[in-house]
Protein backbone atom coordinates (compact mmCIF):
# COMPACT_ATOMS: atom_id res chain seq x y z
CA UNK A 1 86.53 7.31 141.26
CA UNK A 2 87.37 6.70 137.60
CA UNK A 3 85.36 4.62 135.18
CA UNK A 4 84.66 4.08 131.50
CA UNK A 5 81.29 5.43 130.38
CA UNK A 6 79.20 4.63 127.30
CA UNK A 7 78.04 7.96 125.88
CA UNK A 8 74.87 7.66 123.80
CA UNK A 9 72.79 10.06 121.75
CA UNK A 10 69.16 10.45 122.79
CA UNK A 11 68.22 8.41 119.71
CA UNK A 12 70.10 5.45 121.27
CA UNK A 13 73.21 5.43 119.04
CA UNK A 14 76.46 4.64 120.92
CA UNK A 15 78.76 7.61 120.19
CA UNK A 16 81.92 6.78 122.13
CA UNK A 17 83.35 5.31 125.32
CA UNK A 18 85.00 7.80 127.65
CA UNK A 19 87.35 7.42 130.62
CA UNK A 20 85.86 9.78 133.23
CA UNK A 21 87.89 10.74 136.27
CA UNK A 22 86.10 12.37 139.17
CA UNK A 23 82.44 12.84 139.88
CA UNK A 24 79.69 15.09 138.55
CA UNK A 25 78.03 15.61 135.19
CA UNK A 26 79.73 14.94 131.88
CA UNK A 27 80.12 18.42 130.37
CA UNK A 28 83.29 18.14 128.30
CA UNK A 29 85.24 15.16 126.99
CA UNK A 30 88.99 15.42 126.59
CA UNK A 31 89.74 13.75 123.26
CA UNK A 32 92.83 11.92 124.55
CA UNK A 33 90.59 10.08 127.08
CA UNK A 34 88.27 8.56 124.42
CA UNK A 35 88.74 4.80 124.43
CA UNK A 36 86.41 3.86 121.53
CA UNK A 37 85.29 6.50 119.04
CA UNK A 38 82.37 5.55 116.77
CA UNK A 39 81.77 9.08 115.39
CA UNK A 40 85.25 10.26 114.30
CA UNK A 41 85.86 12.86 117.01
CA UNK A 42 89.55 11.95 117.39
CA UNK A 43 90.38 13.29 113.93
CA UNK A 44 88.09 16.34 114.11
CA UNK A 45 89.50 19.84 113.66
CA UNK A 46 89.20 22.56 116.30
CA UNK A 47 85.86 24.45 116.13
CA UNK A 48 84.22 21.61 114.19
CA UNK A 49 80.77 20.41 115.24
CA UNK A 50 80.45 16.61 115.01
CA UNK A 51 77.03 15.10 114.25
CA UNK A 52 75.33 11.91 115.38
CA UNK A 53 75.54 9.47 112.43
CA UNK A 54 72.01 8.22 113.16
CA UNK A 55 69.83 11.31 113.75
CA UNK A 56 72.22 14.08 112.51
CA UNK A 57 71.95 16.16 115.72
CA UNK A 58 74.93 18.28 116.74
CA UNK A 59 76.93 16.69 119.59
CA UNK A 60 78.86 19.81 120.59
CA UNK A 61 81.94 21.75 119.54
CA UNK A 62 85.60 20.71 119.52
CA UNK A 63 87.70 23.35 121.29
CA UNK A 64 90.96 23.75 123.18
CA UNK A 65 90.46 23.47 126.97
CA UNK A 66 93.54 23.73 129.23
CA UNK A 67 95.75 23.38 126.15
CA UNK A 68 94.20 20.08 124.99
CA UNK A 69 91.48 19.38 122.43
CA UNK A 70 88.13 18.57 124.00
CA UNK A 71 84.50 18.11 122.94
CA UNK A 72 82.23 20.56 124.79
CA UNK A 73 79.00 18.57 124.81
CA UNK A 74 75.56 19.78 123.81
CA UNK A 75 73.55 18.60 126.83
CA UNK A 76 70.32 18.33 124.85
CA UNK A 77 71.74 15.73 122.48
CA UNK A 78 73.29 13.08 124.75
CA UNK A 79 71.63 10.98 127.41
CA UNK A 80 72.26 12.49 130.87
CA UNK A 81 75.29 11.03 132.69
CA UNK A 82 76.11 11.85 136.30
CA UNK A 83 78.48 10.12 138.72
């Protein structure tokens, strides 16, 4: 079960669209699976902490997971997504 999700901040700002494979909560986003990036996560350096352009809350931290860059999400900032 794979689908493209709209990931939004709790303030309502559309952050990015993500191709999610599998089921369960959205905890981390592999950067190579981002389809549309409205925040600038694709060019972010490792260990950077991207912010929501609208409300300036921290979205998470960019880190290497399984040898690929990924955004480990701050669950308190995004709207809950579960498949």
